Amino acid sequence: MSCRKAIGVAEEMKAKYGDRIELKIYTTDSVEALPYGFRSSTNVLFSNEHVPVDIATDRKKMDDFLSSKL
């Protein structure tokens, strides 16, 4: 469930921030994800920085996170 929620939050943030962020969604076993060695199904990165799941799945927290980074 957290994966689906994180994708929804990510898509909302992309709609809000537009060209200021780039959104790519990969499965854990994709070639792009392999170098990271992810151990769980829900992983969010921002500028190669891991974003905790509790932030990535909460619209307000993610918006605050991005606002502080952009």
PDB file of N, CA and C in Angstrom:
ATOM      1  N   MET A   1       0.816  -1.203   0.000  1.00  0.00           N
ATOM      2  CA  MET A   1       0.000   0.000   0.000  1.00  0.00           C
ATOM      3  C   MET A   1       0.856   1.262   0.000  1.00  0.00           C
ATOM      4  N   SER A   2       1.980   1.263   0.732  1.00  0.00           N
ATOM      5  CA  SER A   2       2.790   2.471   0.782  1.00  0.00           C
ATOM      6  C   SER A   2       3.370   2.818  -0.579  1.00  0.00           C
ATOM      7  N   CYS A   3       3.622   1.819  -1.412  1.00  0.00           N
ATOM      8  CA  CYS A   3       4.151   2.073  -2.752  1.00  0.00           C
ATOM      9  C   CYS A   3       3.140   2.856  -3.579  1.00  0.00           C
ATOM     10  N   ARG A   4       1.911   2.414  -3.568  1.00  0.00           N
ATOM     11  CA  ARG A   4       0.853   3.087  -4.315  1.00  0.00           C
ATOM     12  C   ARG A   4       0.648   4.516  -3.794  1.00  0.00           C
ATOM     13  N   LYS A   5       0.700   4.667  -2.478  1.00  0.00           N
ATOM     14  CA  LYS A   5       0.530   5.984  -1.867  1.00  0.00           C
ATOM     15  C   LYS A   5       1.683   6.905  -2.238  1.00  0.00           C
ATOM     16  N   ALA A   6       2.914   6.394  -2.220  1.00  0.00           N
ATOM     17  CA  ALA A   6       4.088   7.193  -2.580  1.00  0.00           C
ATOM     18  C   ALA A   6       4.020   7.635  -4.039  1.00  0.00           C
ATOM     19  N   ILE A   7       3.537   6.764  -4.913  1.00  0.00           N
ATOM     20  CA  ILE A   7       3.396   7.125  -6.328  1.00  0.00           C
ATOM     21  C   ILE A   7       2.375   8.246  -6.478  1.00  0.00           C
ATOM     22  N   GLY A   8       1.258   8.154  -5.757  1.00  0.00           N
ATOM     23  CA  GLY A   8       0.246   9.206  -5.820  1.00  0.00           C
ATOM     24  C   GLY A   8       0.785  10.538  -5.336  1.00  0.00           C
ATOM     25  N   VAL A   9       1.521  10.525  -4.232  1.00  0.00           N
ATOM     26  CA  VAL A   9       2.115  11.759  -3.705  1.00  0.00           C
ATOM     27  C   VAL A   9       3.135  12.303  -4.701  1.00  0.00           C
ATOM     28  N   ALA A  10       3.964  11.431  -5.264  1.00  0.00           N
ATOM     29  CA  ALA A  10       4.970  11.863  -6.240  1.00  0.00           C
ATOM     30  C   ALA A  10       4.320  12.509  -7.455  1.00  0.00           C
ATOM     31  N   GLU A  11       3.247  11.932  -7.950  1.00  0.00           N
ATOM     32  CA  GLU A  11       2.556  12.498  -9.107  1.00  0.00           C
ATOM     33  C   GLU A  11       1.941  13.856  -8.771  1.00  0.00           C
ATOM     34  N   GLU A  12       1.420  14.006  -7.565  1.00  0.00           N
ATOM     35  CA  GLU A  12       0.875  15.305  -7.146  1.00  0.00           C
ATOM     36  C   GLU A  12       1.972  16.356  -7.043  1.00  0.00           C
ATOM     37  N   MET A  13       3.133  15.967  -6.530  1.00  0.00           N
ATOM     38  CA  MET A  13       4.247  16.911  -6.413  1.00  0.00           C
ATOM     39  C   MET A  13       4.769  17.306  -7.790  1.00  0.00           C
ATOM     40  N   LYS A  14       4.781  16.355  -8.725  1.00  0.00           N
ATOM     41  CA  LYS A  14       5.199  16.664 -10.095  1.00  0.00           C
ATOM     42  C   LYS A  14       4.235  17.664 -10.710  1.00  0.00           C
ATOM     43  N   ALA A  15       2.944  17.476 -10.484  1.00  0.00           N
ATOM     44  CA  ALA A  15       1.945  18.411 -11.010  1.00  0.00           C
ATOM     45  C   ALA A  15       2.129  19.796 -10.390  1.00  0.00           C
ATOM     46  N   LYS A  16       2.447  19.837  -9.111  1.00  0.00           N
ATOM     47  CA  LYS A  16       2.618  21.120  -8.427  1.00  0.00           C
ATOM     48  C   LYS A  16       3.912  21.826  -8.837  1.00  0.00           C
ATOM     49  N   TYR A  17       5.024  21.093  -8.870  1.00  0.00           N
ATOM     50  CA  TYR A  17       6.330  21.708  -9.107  1.00  0.00           C
ATOM     51  C   TYR A  17       6.763  21.683 -10.574  1.00  0.00           C
ATOM     52  N   GLY A  18       6.053  20.952 -11.404  1.00  0.00           N
ATOM     53  CA  GLY A  18       6.304  20.946 -12.845  1.00  0.00           C
ATOM     54  C   GLY A  18       7.745  20.651 -13.213  1.00  0.00           C
ATOM     55  N   ASP A  19       8.332  21.527 -14.014  1.00  0.00           N
ATOM     56  CA  ASP A  19       9.685  21.319 -14.532  1.00  0.00           C
ATOM     57  C   ASP A  19      10.771  21.450 -13.468  1.00  0.00           C
ATOM     58  N   ARG A  20      10.412  21.850 -12.271  1.00  0.00           N
ATOM     59  CA  ARG A  20      11.423  21.987 -11.214  1.00  0.00           C
ATOM     60  C   ARG A  20      11.877  20.639 -10.673  1.00  0.00           C
ATOM     61  N   ILE A  21      11.076  19.597 -10.915  1.00  0.00           N
ATOM     62  CA  ILE A  21      11.480  18.247 -10.512  1.00  0.00           C
ATOM     63  C   ILE A  21      11.263  17.289 -11.677  1.00  0.00           C
ATOM     64  N   GLU A  22      12.046  16.227 -11.686  1.00  0.00           N
ATOM     65  CA  GLU A  22      11.906  15.179 -12.692  1.00  0.00           C
ATOM     66  C   GLU A  22      11.396  13.941 -11.971  1.00  0.00           C
ATOM     67  N   LEU A  23      10.363  13.334 -12.493  1.00  0.00           N
ATOM     68  CA  LEU A  23       9.757  12.166 -11.865  1.00  0.00           C
ATOM     69  C   LEU A  23      10.004  10.939 -12.731  1.00  0.00           C
ATOM     70  N   LYS A  24      10.600   9.924 -12.112  1.00  0.00           N
ATOM     71  CA  LYS A  24      10.793   8.630 -12.763  1.00  0.00           C
ATOM     72  C   LYS A  24      10.341   7.574 -11.770  1.00  0.00           C
ATOM     73  N   ILE A  25       9.572   6.616 -12.233  1.00  0.00           N
ATOM     74  CA  ILE A  25       9.080   5.543 -11.372  1.00  0.00           C
ATOM     75  C   ILE A  25       9.572   4.220 -11.946  1.00  0.00           C
ATOM     76  N   TYR A  26      10.263   3.460 -11.093  1.00  0.00           N
ATOM     77  CA  TYR A  26      10.811   2.171 -11.501  1.00  0.00           C
ATOM     78  C   TYR A  26      10.386   1.103 -10.497  1.00  0.00           C
ATOM     79  N   THR A  27      10.333  -0.136 -10.954  1.00  0.00           N
ATOM     80  CA  THR A  27      10.127  -1.242 -10.031  1.00  0.00           C
ATOM     81  C   THR A  27      11.466  -1.562  -9.364  1.00  0.00           C
ATOM     82  N   THR A  28      11.419  -2.185  -8.220  1.00  0.00           N
ATOM     83  CA  THR A  28      12.637  -2.481  -7.456  1.00  0.00           C
ATOM     84  C   THR A  28      13.614  -3.341  -8.248  1.00  0.00           C
ATOM     85  N   ASP A  29      13.098  -4.201  -9.112  1.00  0.00           N
ATOM     86  CA  ASP A  29      13.977  -5.086  -9.883  1.00  0.00           C
ATOM     87  C   ASP A  29      14.366  -4.527 -11.248  1.00  0.00           C
ATOM     88  N   SER A  30      14.067  -3.265 -11.506  1.00  0.00           N
ATOM     89  CA  SER A  30      14.428  -2.669 -12.792  1.00  0.00           C
ATOM     90  C   SER A  30      15.939  -2.435 -12.857  1.00  0.00           C
ATOM     91  N   VAL A  31      16.464  -2.360 -14.052  1.00  0.00           N
ATOM     92  CA  VAL A  31      17.889  -2.116 -14.261  1.00  0.00           C
ATOM     93  C   VAL A  31      18.317  -0.813 -13.589  1.00  0.00           C
ATOM     94  N   GLU A  32      17.479   0.211 -13.652  1.00  0.00           N
ATOM     95  CA  GLU A  32      17.800   1.514 -13.073  1.00  0.00           C
ATOM     96  C   GLU A  32      17.908   1.465 -11.549  1.00  0.00           C
ATOM     97  N   ALA A  33      17.149   0.585 -10.921  1.00  0.00           N
ATOM     98  CA  ALA A  33      17.134   0.498  -9.458  1.00  0.00           C
ATOM     99  C   ALA A  33      18.224  -0.418  -8.897  1.00  0.00           C
ATOM    100  N   LEU A  34      18.738  -1.323  -9.691  1.00  0.00           N
ATOM    101  CA  LEU A  34      19.701  -2.301  -9.198  1.00  0.00           C
ATOM    102  C   LEU A  34      20.922  -1.696  -8.495  1.00  0.00           C
ATOM    103  N   PRO A  35      21.527  -0.629  -9.018  1.00  0.00           N
ATOM    104  CA  PRO A  35      22.716  -0.092  -8.336  1.00  0.00           C
ATOM    105  C   PRO A  35      22.458   0.393  -6.902  1.00  0.00           C
ATOM    106  N   TYR A  36      21.234   0.681  -6.568  1.00  0.00           N
ATOM    107  CA  TYR A  36      20.915   1.190  -5.231  1.00  0.00           C
ATOM    108  C   TYR A  36      20.775   0.091  -4.180  1.00  0.00           C
ATOM    109  N   GLY A  37      20.552  -1.139  -4.608  1.00  0.00           N
ATOM    110  CA  GLY A  37      20.414  -2.244  -3.671  1.00  0.00           C
ATOM    111  C   GLY A  37      19.235  -2.094  -2.720  1.00  0.00           C
ATOM    112  N   PHE A  38      18.133  -1.597  -3.226  1.00  0.00           N
ATOM    113  CA  PHE A  38      16.945  -1.411  -2.386  1.00  0.00           C
ATOM    114  C   PHE A  38      16.508  -2.733  -1.775  1.00  0.00           C
ATOM    115  N   ARG A  39      16.075  -2.680  -0.523  1.00  0.00           N
ATOM    116  CA  ARG A  39      15.634  -3.885   0.181  1.00  0.00           C
ATOM    117  C   ARG A  39      14.125  -3.921   0.396  1.00  0.00           C
ATOM    118  N   SER A  40      13.463  -2.801   0.175  1.00  0.00           N
ATOM    119  CA  SER A  40      12.007  -2.777   0.331  1.00  0.00           C
ATOM    120  C   SER A  40      11.383  -2.341  -0.983  1.00  0.00           C
ATOM    121  N   SER A  41      10.081  -2.485  -1.071  1.00  0.00           N
ATOM    122  CA  SER A  41       9.402  -2.184  -2.341  1.00  0.00           C
ATOM    123  C   SER A  41       9.160  -0.696  -2.543  1.00  0.00           C
ATOM    124  N   THR A  42       9.185   0.109  -1.487  1.00  0.00           N
ATOM    125  CA  THR A  42       8.928   1.542  -1.606  1.00  0.00           C
ATOM    126  C   THR A  42      10.188   2.314  -1.251  1.00  0.00           C
ATOM    127  N   ASN A  43      10.754   2.967  -2.263  1.00  0.00           N
ATOM    128  CA  ASN A  43      11.962   3.765  -2.090  1.00  0.00           C
ATOM    129  C   ASN A  43      11.807   5.027  -2.913  1.00  0.00           C
ATOM    130  N   VAL A  44      12.082   6.153  -2.296  1.00  0.00           N
ATOM    131  CA  VAL A  44      11.971   7.438  -2.984  1.00  0.00           C
ATOM    132  C   VAL A  44      13.300   8.163  -2.826  1.00  0.00           C
ATOM    133  N   LEU A  45      13.796   8.674  -3.947  1.00  0.00           N
ATOM    134  CA  LEU A  45      15.029   9.446  -3.945  1.00  0.00           C
ATOM    135  C   LEU A  45      14.747  10.843  -4.461  1.00  0.00           C
ATOM    136  N   PHE A  46      15.437  11.814  -3.910  1.00  0.00           N
ATOM    137  CA  PHE A  46      15.405  13.181  -4.418  1.00  0.00           C
ATOM    138  C   PHE A  46      16.851  13.623  -4.523  1.00  0.00           C
ATOM    139  N   SER A  47      17.317  13.892  -5.733  1.00  0.00           N
ATOM    140  CA  SER A  47      18.725  14.234  -5.975  1.00  0.00           C
ATOM    141  C   SER A  47      19.647  13.203  -5.329  1.00  0.00           C
ATOM    142  N   ASN A  48      19.330  11.935  -5.543  1.00  0.00           N
ATOM    143  CA  ASN A  48      20.073  10.790  -5.004  1.00  0.00           C
ATOM    144  C   ASN A  48      20.090  10.725  -3.487  1.00  0.00           C
ATOM    145  N   GLU A  49      19.220  11.461  -2.829  1.00  0.00           N
ATOM    146  CA  GLU A  49      19.072  11.418  -1.376  1.00  0.00           C
ATOM    147  C   GLU A  49      17.827  10.603  -1.058  1.00  0.00           C
ATOM    148  N   HIS A  50      17.978   9.619  -0.174  1.00  0.00           N
ATOM    149  CA  HIS A  50      16.840   8.790   0.203  1.00  0.00           C
ATOM    150  C   HIS A  50      15.842   9.621   1.002  1.00  0.00           C
ATOM    151  N   VAL A  51      14.571   9.528   0.626  1.00  0.00           N
ATOM    152  CA  VAL A  51      13.491  10.217   1.342  1.00  0.00           C
ATOM    153  C   VAL A  51      12.769   9.166   2.180  1.00  0.00           C
ATOM    154  N   PRO A  52      12.680   9.357   3.501  1.00  0.00           N
ATOM    155  CA  PRO A  52      11.992   8.379   4.345  1.00  0.00           C
ATOM    156  C   PRO A  52      10.554   8.139   3.880  1.00  0.00           C
ATOM    157  N   VAL A  53      10.103   6.906   4.014  1.00  0.00           N
ATOM    158  CA  VAL A  53       8.767   6.521   3.556  1.00  0.00           C
ATOM    159  C   VAL A  53       7.685   7.358   4.231  1.00  0.00           C
ATOM    160  N   ASP A  54       7.854   7.708   5.508  1.00  0.00           N
ATOM    161  CA  ASP A  54       6.819   8.497   6.186  1.00  0.00           C
ATOM    162  C   ASP A  54       6.677   9.885   5.567  1.00  0.00           C
ATOM    163  N   ILE A  55       7.735  10.400   4.961  1.00  0.00           N
ATOM    164  CA  ILE A  55       7.651  11.688   4.249  1.00  0.00           C
ATOM    165  C   ILE A  55       7.101  11.468   2.851  1.00  0.00           C
ATOM    166  N   ALA A  56       7.613  10.460   2.154  1.00  0.00           N
ATOM    167  CA  ALA A  56       7.227  10.193   0.769  1.00  0.00           C
ATOM    168  C   ALA A  56       5.763   9.822   0.597  1.00  0.00           C
ATOM    169  N   THR A  57       5.121   9.349   1.657  1.00  0.00           N
ATOM    170  CA  THR A  57       3.723   8.934   1.554  1.00  0.00           C
ATOM    171  C   THR A  57       2.750   9.949   2.152  1.00  0.00           C
ATOM    172  N   ASP A  58       3.256  11.092   2.580  1.00  0.00           N
ATOM    173  CA  ASP A  58       2.420  12.130   3.185  1.00  0.00           C
ATOM    174  C   ASP A  58       2.530  13.411   2.353  1.00  0.00           C
ATOM    175  N   ARG A  59       1.415  13.855   1.785  1.00  0.00           N
ATOM    176  CA  ARG A  59       1.425  15.016   0.890  1.00  0.00           C
ATOM    177  C   ARG A  59       2.038  16.253   1.537  1.00  0.00           C
ATOM    178  N   LYS A  60       1.643  16.568   2.739  1.00  0.00           N
ATOM    179  CA  LYS A  60       2.121  17.767   3.431  1.00  0.00           C
ATOM    180  C   LYS A  60       3.612  17.667   3.728  1.00  0.00           C
ATOM    181  N   LYS A  61       4.037  16.521   4.255  1.00  0.00           N
ATOM    182  CA  LYS A  61       5.455  16.338   4.581  1.00  0.00           C
ATOM    183  C   LYS A  61       6.322  16.383   3.336  1.00  0.00           C
ATOM    184  N   MET A  62       5.842  15.774   2.250  1.00  0.00           N
ATOM    185  CA  MET A  62       6.620  15.768   1.009  1.00  0.00           C
ATOM    186  C   MET A  62       6.687  17.167   0.420  1.00  0.00           C
ATOM    187  N   ASP A  63       5.599  17.881   0.485  1.00  0.00           N
ATOM    188  CA  ASP A  63       5.587  19.262  -0.003  1.00  0.00           C
ATOM    189  C   ASP A  63       6.556  20.117   0.809  1.00  0.00           C
ATOM    190  N   ASP A  64       6.554  19.958   2.117  1.00  0.00           N
ATOM    191  CA  ASP A  64       7.502  20.686   2.970  1.00  0.00           C
ATOM    192  C   ASP A  64       8.940  20.309   2.638  1.00  0.00           C
ATOM    193  N   PHE A  65       9.178  19.015   2.421  1.00  0.00           N
ATOM    194  CA  PHE A  65      10.505  18.533   2.072  1.00  0.00           C
ATOM    195  C   PHE A  65      10.984  19.182   0.773  1.00  0.00           C
ATOM    196  N   LEU A  66      10.141  19.123  -0.249  1.00  0.00           N
ATOM    197  CA  LEU A  66      10.531  19.679  -1.549  1.00  0.00           C
ATOM    198  C   LEU A  66      10.701  21.191  -1.477  1.00  0.00           C
ATOM    199  N   SER A  67       9.819  21.861  -0.743  1.00  0.00           N
ATOM    200  CA  SER A  67       9.920  23.319  -0.607  1.00  0.00           C
ATOM    201  C   SER A  67      11.259  23.719   0.000  1.00  0.00           C
ATOM    202  N   SER A  68      11.766  22.919   0.914  1.00  0.00           N
ATOM    203  CA  SER A  68      13.044  23.248   1.552  1.00  0.00           C
ATOM    204  C   SER A  68      14.236  22.934   0.652  1.00  0.00           C
ATOM    205  N   LYS A  69      14.043  22.107  -0.366  1.00  0.00           N
ATOM    206  CA  LYS A  69      15.126  21.695  -1.254  1.00  0.00           C
ATOM    207  C   LYS A  69      15.189  22.488  -2.553  1.00  0.00           C
ATOM    208  N   LEU A  70      14.055  23.048  -2.961  1.00  0.00           N
ATOM    209  CA  LEU A  70      14.015  23.748  -4.263  1.00  0.00           C
ATOM    210  C   LEU A  70      14.196  25.245  -4.109  1.00  0.00           C
TER     211      LEU A  70
END
